């Protein structure tokens, strides 16, 4: 906007110079016109003779040359005046053109200077604006960098505070855990000492009971058969009562239950359960041995859709010392390749199955008819 305003000032100066040149040319032309009118007036006015001319009659032949001379003289003067006027007009025109050209050059020079001035001012303003913009951007960058630095420092301080707090809490937890561990060790040591004391008491009581039993047995040998039976029954009841009474708990049971009485009850229940389980297990094993006695079985060690896999499994079994064979069977339109061991007693098959499980080989026991 300001640049176009500067161009407008140059154009106004140009028009002012043009008007001035036009006025100068008009004044020169007006002056020349006035001079030409005066010359024509002087030519048209007849010269007055100082002495009156006496007219004399003359012949027509003599009068004609005088008229011709005056006419040619007037024409010459008129032509001379016109020539001078034309020269003056040409000079005036040339001067006017020169003045107009000078005015136009001045106006162009003024416009050029105004344009250069406007461009210079515009450039200075643009440079100033660019410098201000660069300064503003630099200031904003510096402020942003300072804000980022302050934020980063605040974050680092917060992180450091959080880390210190976490480390302090971890140390406190570790110290607390260590204290609890020491307390547990101390408590366990006390429990162990108490258990050792009770074991010593138990050993002493068992020794006393054994001595008493020996005495009772010796005394029973001297009694009659009926008295012996009564004494043996009492002795068995006494042993059962003492065994029930002397089932002492382990340190783990005492720690888990929280009191010796609860631990003793848990130990008695566990002993009763274990005795019943052992009795049941023995009876089951006896029944199984009775049922399996005389039966034959084999192990099925894998079932494959291709012969190569079955042979690979058989080679693996051969490395472990197990002899086997591949048996083909049809399942619809597909051929199944089963790897089977040789026939053996049922107990041997069970034992072999457990051995193969230790080598991550699963199997099935198949009884033979």
Protein backbone atom coordinates (compact mmCIF):
# COMPACT_ATOMS: atom_id res chain seq x y z
CA UNK A 1 0.00 0.00 0.00
CA UNK A 2 2.77 2.44 0.91
CA UNK A 3 4.73 1.51 -2.19
CA UNK A 4 1.81 2.34 -4.49
CA UNK A 5 1.37 5.64 -2.61
CA UNK A 6 4.96 6.57 -3.48
CA UNK A 7 4.25 5.79 -7.14
CA UNK A 8 1.26 8.13 -6.97
CA UNK A 9 3.48 10.96 -5.72
CA UNK A 10 5.85 10.47 -8.70
CA UNK A 11 2.92 10.53 -11.15
CA UNK A 12 1.61 13.76 -9.59
CA UNK A 13 5.07 15.31 -10.03
CA UNK A 14 5.11 14.17 -13.67
CA UNK A 15 1.74 15.78 -14.36
CA UNK A 16 2.79 18.96 -12.58
CA UNK A 17 5.92 19.20 -14.76
CA UNK A 18 3.85 18.52 -17.90
CA UNK A 19 1.39 21.29 -17.02
CA UNK A 20 4.27 23.65 -16.31
CA UNK A 21 5.89 22.85 -19.66
CA UNK A 22 2.56 23.32 -21.42
CA UNK A 23 2.15 26.76 -19.80
CA UNK A 24 5.65 27.78 -20.86
CA UNK A 25 5.03 26.67 -24.44
CA UNK A 26 1.67 28.50 -24.48
CA UNK A 27 3.35 31.70 -23.21
CA UNK A 28 6.07 31.50 -25.87
CA UNK A 29 3.50 30.94 -28.63
CA UNK A 30 1.40 33.82 -27.33
CA UNK A 31 4.45 36.08 -27.37
CA UNK A 32 5.32 35.06 -30.92
CA UNK A 33 1.75 35.59 -32.04
CA UNK A 34 1.75 39.11 -30.64
CA UNK A 35 5.02 39.87 -32.43
CA UNK A 36 3.68 38.64 -35.77
CA UNK A 37 0.54 40.82 -35.44
CA UNK A 38 2.68 43.89 -34.85
CA UNK A 39 4.77 43.10 -37.94
CA UNK A 40 1.65 42.66 -40.07
CA UNK A 41 0.25 45.93 -38.75
CA UNK A 42 3.46 47.72 -39.62
CA UNK A 43 3.37 46.21 -43.14
CA UNK A 44 -0.22 47.19 -43.74
CA UNK A 45 0.17 50.78 -42.53
CA UNK A 46 1.45 53.10 -45.40
CA UNK A 47 4.44 55.23 -44.75
CA UNK A 48 3.59 58.92 -44.45
CA UNK A 49 5.92 61.20 -46.37
CA UNK A 50 7.08 64.25 -44.74
CA UNK A 51 6.33 66.30 -47.80
CA UNK A 52 3.11 66.07 -49.65
CA UNK A 53 3.46 64.30 -52.90
CA UNK A 54 2.41 66.22 -55.90
CA UNK A 55 0.50 64.11 -58.30
CA UNK A 56 1.28 64.70 -61.85
CA UNK A 57 -0.37 63.21 -64.83
CA UNK A 58 1.71 60.58 -66.42
CA UNK A 59 1.32 58.10 -69.10
CA UNK A 60 -0.07 54.70 -68.42
CA UNK A 61 3.14 53.11 -69.55
CA UNK A 62 5.14 54.96 -66.97
CA UNK A 63 2.71 54.32 -64.09
CA UNK A 64 2.71 50.55 -64.48
CA UNK A 65 6.36 50.00 -63.56
CA UNK A 66 6.02 52.00 -60.33
CA UNK A 67 3.07 49.95 -59.23
CA UNK A 68 4.93 46.79 -60.00
CA UNK A 69 7.96 47.92 -58.02
CA UNK A 70 5.93 48.82 -54.94
CA UNK A 71 4.03 45.53 -55.15
CA UNK A 72 7.18 43.39 -55.41
CA UNK A 73 8.76 45.31 -52.59
CA UNK A 74 5.75 44.70 -50.39
CA UNK A 75 5.77 41.03 -51.32
CA UNK A 76 9.42 40.78 -50.47
CA UNK A 77 8.93 42.48 -47.12
CA UNK A 78 5.92 40.31 -46.45
CA UNK A 79 7.87 37.16 -47.35
CA UNK A 80 10.74 38.32 -45.23
CA UNK A 81 8.42 38.96 -42.29
CA UNK A 82 6.75 35.61 -42.78
CA UNK A 83 10.16 33.96 -42.93
CA UNK A 84 11.25 35.69 -39.74
CA UNK A 85 7.96 34.80 -38.09
CA UNK A 86 8.34 31.19 -39.24
CA UNK A 87 11.92 31.12 -37.91
CA UNK A 88 10.77 32.63 -34.63
CA UNK A 89 7.90 30.18 -34.48
CA UNK A 90 10.28 27.29 -35.26
CA UNK A 91 12.67 28.51 -32.59
CA UNK A 92 9.81 28.94 -30.15
CA UNK A 93 8.48 25.53 -31.06
CA UNK A 94 11.96 24.06 -30.67
CA UNK A 95 12.37 25.85 -27.35
CA UNK A 96 8.93 24.63 -26.28
CA UNK A 97 9.75 21.08 -27.32
CA UNK A 98 13.09 21.34 -25.55
CA UNK A 99 11.35 22.71 -22.45
CA UNK A 100 8.71 20.00 -22.70
CA UNK A 101 11.41 17.38 -23.16
CA UNK A 102 13.35 18.75 -20.22
CA UNK A 103 10.15 18.87 -18.16
CA UNK A 104 9.33 15.32 -19.22
CA UNK A 105 12.87 14.20 -18.39
CA UNK A 106 12.65 15.98 -15.05
CA UNK A 107 9.28 14.42 -14.42
CA UNK A 108 10.65 10.99 -15.44
CA UNK A 109 13.71 11.57 -13.29
CA UNK A 110 11.48 12.68 -10.44
CA UNK A 111 9.25 9.65 -10.94
CA UNK A 112 12.32 7.41 -11.13
CA UNK A 113 13.75 8.96 -7.99
CA UNK A 114 10.38 8.68 -6.28
CA UNK A 115 10.10 5.06 -7.39
CA UNK A 116 13.66 4.33 -6.25
CA UNK A 117 12.95 6.11 -3.00
CA UNK A 118 9.73 4.15 -2.58
CA UNK A 119 11.51 0.89 -3.41
CA UNK A 120 14.33 1.80 -1.04
CA UNK A 121 11.87 2.66 1.71
CA UNK A 122 9.89 -0.50 0.97
CA UNK A 123 13.07 -2.56 1.04
CA UNK A 124 14.15 -0.89 4.27
CA UNK A 125 10.72 -1.59 5.75
CA UNK A 126 10.87 -5.19 4.49
CA UNK A 127 14.38 -5.59 5.91
CA UNK A 128 13.26 -4.03 9.15
CA UNK A 129 10.19 -6.28 9.26
CA UNK A 130 12.36 -9.31 8.44
CA UNK A 131 14.84 -8.31 11.14
CA UNK A 132 12.01 -7.80 13.62
CA UNK A 133 10.52 -11.16 12.61
CA UNK A 134 13.91 -12.87 12.96
CA UNK A 135 14.45 -11.17 16.31
CA UNK A 136 10.96 -12.17 17.44
CA UNK A 137 11.49 -15.78 16.30
CA UNK A 138 14.88 -15.87 18.01
CA UNK A 139 13.28 -14.50 21.17
CA UNK A 140 10.47 -17.07 20.95
CA UNK A 141 13.00 -19.85 20.39
CA UNK A 142 15.05 -18.67 23.35
CA UNK A 143 11.92 -18.49 25.52
CA UNK A 144 10.81 -21.93 24.33
CA UNK A 145 14.28 -23.37 24.98
CA UNK A 146 14.27 -21.82 28.45
CA UNK A 147 10.78 -23.20 29.12
CA UNK A 148 11.80 -26.66 27.85
CA UNK A 149 14.93 -26.54 30.00
CA UNK A 150 12.92 -25.51 33.05
CA UNK A 151 10.36 -28.24 32.36
CA UNK A 152 13.10 -30.82 31.85
CA UNK A 153 14.85 -29.76 35.05
CA UNK A 154 11.55 -29.91 36.94
CA UNK A 155 10.86 -33.35 35.53
CA UNK A 156 14.38 -34.52 36.42
CA UNK A 157 13.92 -33.19 39.95
CA UNK A 158 10.55 -34.93 40.22
CA UNK A 159 12.02 -38.18 38.85
CA UNK A 160 14.95 -37.92 41.23
CA UNK A 161 12.59 -37.27 44.14
CA UNK A 162 10.43 -40.24 43.11
CA UNK A 163 13.52 -42.43 42.69
CA UNK A 164 14.86 -41.38 46.10
CA UNK A 165 11.46 -42.05 47.63
CA UNK A 166 11.22 -45.46 45.94
CA UNK A 167 14.77 -46.32 47.02
CA UNK A 168 14.04 -45.23 50.58
CA UNK A 169 10.83 -47.26 50.63
CA UNK A 170 12.67 -50.26 49.16
CA UNK A 171 15.35 -49.96 51.84
CA UNK A 172 12.68 -49.70 54.53
CA UNK A 173 10.88 -52.74 53.12
CA UNK A 174 14.14 -54.66 52.92
CA UNK A 175 14.99 -53.73 56.51
CA UNK A 176 11.50 -54.70 57.63
CA UNK A 177 11.70 -58.00 55.73
CA UNK A 178 15.12 -58.67 57.23
CA UNK A 179 13.78 -57.94 60.70
CA UNK A 180 10.80 -60.23 60.10
CA UNK A 181 13.15 -62.89 58.75
CA UNK A 182 15.38 -62.61 61.82
CA UNK A 183 12.31 -62.78 64.07
CA UNK A 184 11.09 -65.87 62.20
CA UNK A 185 14.53 -67.47 62.51
CA UNK A 186 14.58 -66.71 66.21
CA UNK A 187 11.09 -68.10 66.65
CA UNK A 188 12.00 -71.20 64.62
CA UNK A 189 15.12 -71.70 66.74
CA UNK A 190 12.98 -71.47 69.86
CA UNK A 191 10.53 -73.97 68.39
CA UNK A 192 13.37 -76.32 67.46
CA UNK A 193 14.82 -76.07 70.96
CA UNK A 194 11.40 -76.82 72.38
CA UNK A 195 11.00 -79.78 70.00
CA UNK A 196 14.44 -81.11 70.93
CA UNK A 197 13.48 -80.89 74.57
CA UNK A 198 10.23 -82.74 73.89
CA UNK A 199 12.04 -85.37 71.82
CA UNK A 200 14.44 -85.92 74.70
CA UNK A 201 11.47 -86.23 77.02
CA UNK A 202 9.83 -88.60 74.55
CA UNK A 203 12.96 -90.72 74.29
CA UNK A 204 13.15 -90.84 78.07
CA UNK A 205 9.48 -91.77 78.28
CA UNK A 206 9.90 -94.41 75.58
CA UNK A 207 12.86 -95.85 77.44
CA UNK A 208 10.89 -95.92 80.65
CA UNK A 209 7.96 -97.48 78.79
CA UNK A 210 10.27 -100.09 77.26
CA UNK A 211 11.70 -100.90 80.65
CA UNK A 212 8.24 -101.12 82.07
CA UNK A 213 7.10 -103.26 79.16
CA UNK A 214 10.04 -105.58 79.69
CA UNK A 215 9.15 -105.83 83.33
CA UNK A 216 5.51 -106.40 82.53
CA UNK A 217 6.45 -109.04 79.98
CA UNK A 218 8.70 -110.77 82.42
CA UNK A 219 5.93 -110.68 84.96
CA UNK A 220 3.46 -111.87 82.34
CA UNK A 221 5.62 -114.87 81.52
CA UNK A 222 5.14 -116.02 85.05
CA UNK A 223 1.33 -115.69 84.89
CA UNK A 224 -1.19 -118.17 83.60
CA UNK A 225 -2.47 -118.16 80.03
CA UNK A 226 -5.60 -116.28 80.95
CA UNK A 227 -3.63 -113.72 82.84
CA UNK A 228 -1.22 -113.51 79.90
CA UNK A 229 -4.05 -112.71 77.50
CA UNK A 230 -5.38 -110.07 79.84
CA UNK A 231 -1.94 -108.57 80.26
CA UNK A 232 -1.25 -108.57 76.52
CA UNK A 233 -4.59 -106.86 75.85
CA UNK A 234 -3.82 -104.21 78.42
CA UNK A 235 -0.32 -103.82 77.04
CA UNK A 236 -1.65 -103.36 73.50
CA UNK A 237 -4.17 -100.77 74.70
CA UNK A 238 -1.46 -99.01 76.63
CA UNK A 239 0.86 -98.95 73.61
CA UNK A 240 -1.92 -97.61 71.41
CA UNK A 241 -2.67 -94.90 73.96
CA UNK A 242 0.98 -93.99 74.28
CA UNK A 243 1.45 -93.98 70.50
CA UNK A 244 -1.57 -91.77 70.17
CA UNK A 245 -0.31 -89.55 72.95
CA UNK A 246 3.23 -89.35 71.66
CA UNK A 247 2.50 -88.41 68.02
CA UNK A 248 4.50 -85.21 68.17
CA UNK A 249 4.11 -82.55 65.47
CA UNK A 250 6.89 -81.35 63.16
CA UNK A 251 8.27 -77.75 63.28
CA UNK A 252 6.45 -76.94 60.04
CA UNK A 253 3.13 -78.11 61.50
CA UNK A 254 3.73 -75.99 64.63
CA UNK A 255 4.55 -72.90 62.52
CA UNK A 256 1.56 -73.42 60.23
CA UNK A 257 -0.95 -74.09 63.06
CA UNK A 258 0.39 -71.42 65.42
CA UNK A 259 0.13 -73.53 68.60
CA UNK A 260 1.52 -76.85 69.83
CA UNK A 261 -1.88 -78.29 70.69
CA UNK A 262 -3.26 -77.69 67.20
CA UNK A 263 -0.05 -79.06 65.71
CA UNK A 264 -0.31 -82.19 67.90
CA UNK A 265 -3.91 -82.76 66.80
CA UNK A 266 -2.85 -82.31 63.14
CA UNK A 267 0.02 -84.80 63.67
CA UNK A 268 -2.35 -87.37 65.20
CA UNK A 269 -4.81 -86.95 62.35
CA UNK A 270 -1.99 -87.25 59.80
CA UNK A 271 -0.63 -90.37 61.50
CA UNK A 272 -4.08 -91.95 61.54
CA UNK A 273 -4.61 -91.06 57.90
CA UNK A 274 -1.20 -92.40 56.89
CA UNK A 275 -1.78 -95.66 58.75
CA UNK A 276 -5.17 -96.10 57.11
CA UNK A 277 -3.71 -95.20 53.69
CA UNK A 278 -0.83 -97.63 54.18
CA UNK A 279 -3.23 -100.38 55.14
CA UNK A 280 -5.43 -99.59 52.14
CA UNK A 281 -2.44 -99.49 49.84
CA UNK A 282 -1.14 -102.81 51.07
CA UNK A 283 -4.54 -104.39 50.59
CA UNK A 284 -4.84 -102.89 47.09
CA UNK A 285 -1.40 -104.09 46.11
CA UNK A 286 -2.19 -107.54 47.39
CA UNK A 287 -5.47 -107.56 45.43
CA UNK A 288 -3.76 -106.29 42.28
CA UNK A 289 -0.98 -108.85 42.57
CA UNK A 290 -3.59 -111.56 43.05
CA UNK A 291 -5.55 -110.34 40.04
CA UNK A 292 -2.50 -109.93 37.79
CA UNK A 293 -0.86 -113.18 38.67
CA UNK A 294 -0.69 -115.39 35.61
CA UNK A 295 -1.88 -112.72 33.05
CA UNK A 296 0.06 -111.73 29.90
CA UNK A 297 0.18 -108.25 28.30
CA UNK A 298 2.09 -106.08 25.80
CA UNK A 299 2.72 -102.34 25.42
CA UNK A 300 1.44 -100.27 22.49
CA UNK A 301 4.17 -97.69 22.00
CA UNK A 302 2.75 -95.60 19.16
CA UNK A 303 0.37 -95.46 16.20
CA UNK A 304 1.46 -93.82 12.92
CA UNK A 305 0.07 -93.19 9.45
CA UNK A 306 3.37 -93.99 7.66
CA UNK A 307 5.88 -96.78 8.00
CA UNK A 308 8.95 -94.52 8.33
CA UNK A 309 7.64 -92.90 11.54
CA UNK A 310 6.89 -96.31 13.02
CA UNK A 311 10.41 -97.55 12.16
CA UNK A 312 11.90 -94.41 13.72
CA UNK A 313 10.01 -95.08 16.97
CA UNK A 314 11.12 -98.73 16.92
CA UNK A 315 14.79 -97.66 16.51
CA UNK A 316 14.45 -95.30 19.47
CA UNK A 317 13.07 -98.15 21.59
CA UNK A 318 15.89 -100.42 20.46
CA UNK A 319 18.40 -97.88 21.79
CA UNK A 320 16.68 -98.11 25.19
CA UNK A 321 16.90 -101.92 25.05
CA UNK A 322 13.20 -102.56 24.37
CA UNK A 323 12.42 -105.04 21.63
CA UNK A 324 9.36 -104.16 19.54
CA UNK A 325 7.63 -104.81 16.24
CA UNK A 326 5.46 -102.93 13.71
CA UNK A 327 1.91 -104.25 13.21
CA UNK A 328 -0.16 -103.09 10.23
CA UNK A 329 -3.94 -102.69 10.45
CA UNK A 330 -6.65 -101.20 8.23
CA UNK A 331 -8.87 -98.37 9.40
CA UNK A 332 -11.29 -97.89 6.52
CA UNK A 333 -9.21 -97.04 3.47
CA UNK A 334 -6.18 -96.03 5.57
CA UNK A 335 -3.31 -98.20 6.81
CA UNK A 336 -2.27 -97.72 10.45
CA UNK A 337 1.22 -98.76 11.65
CA UNK A 338 1.29 -99.62 15.39
CA UNK A 339 4.50 -100.17 17.34
CA UNK A 340 4.05 -102.95 19.95
CA UNK A 341 6.34 -104.66 22.45
CA UNK A 342 6.68 -108.40 22.89
CA UNK A 343 4.23 -110.25 25.14
CA UNK A 344 5.25 -110.30 28.81
CA UNK A 345 3.72 -110.77 32.28
CA UNK A 346 1.41 -108.05 33.55
CA UNK A 347 3.81 -106.92 36.30
CA UNK A 348 6.69 -106.67 33.81
CA UNK A 349 4.50 -104.61 31.47
CA UNK A 350 3.65 -102.19 34.31
CA UNK A 351 7.30 -101.90 35.28
CA UNK A 352 8.37 -101.29 31.66
CA UNK A 353 5.68 -98.65 31.22
CA UNK A 354 6.98 -96.74 34.26
CA UNK A 355 10.54 -97.01 32.94
CA UNK A 356 9.56 -95.64 29.52
CA UNK A 357 7.70 -92.73 31.12
CA UNK A 358 11.02 -91.68 32.60
CA UNK A 359 12.27 -91.32 28.99
CA UNK A 360 9.17 -89.29 27.92
CA UNK A 361 7.68 -92.22 25.97
CA UNK A 362 3.98 -92.81 26.55
CA UNK A 363 2.45 -96.28 26.15
CA UNK A 364 -0.71 -98.28 26.69
CA UNK A 365 -0.94 -101.74 28.32
CA UNK A 366 -2.92 -104.21 26.23
CA UNK A 367 -3.90 -107.52 27.74
CA UNK A 368 -3.74 -110.67 25.63
CA UNK A 369 -6.62 -113.11 25.44
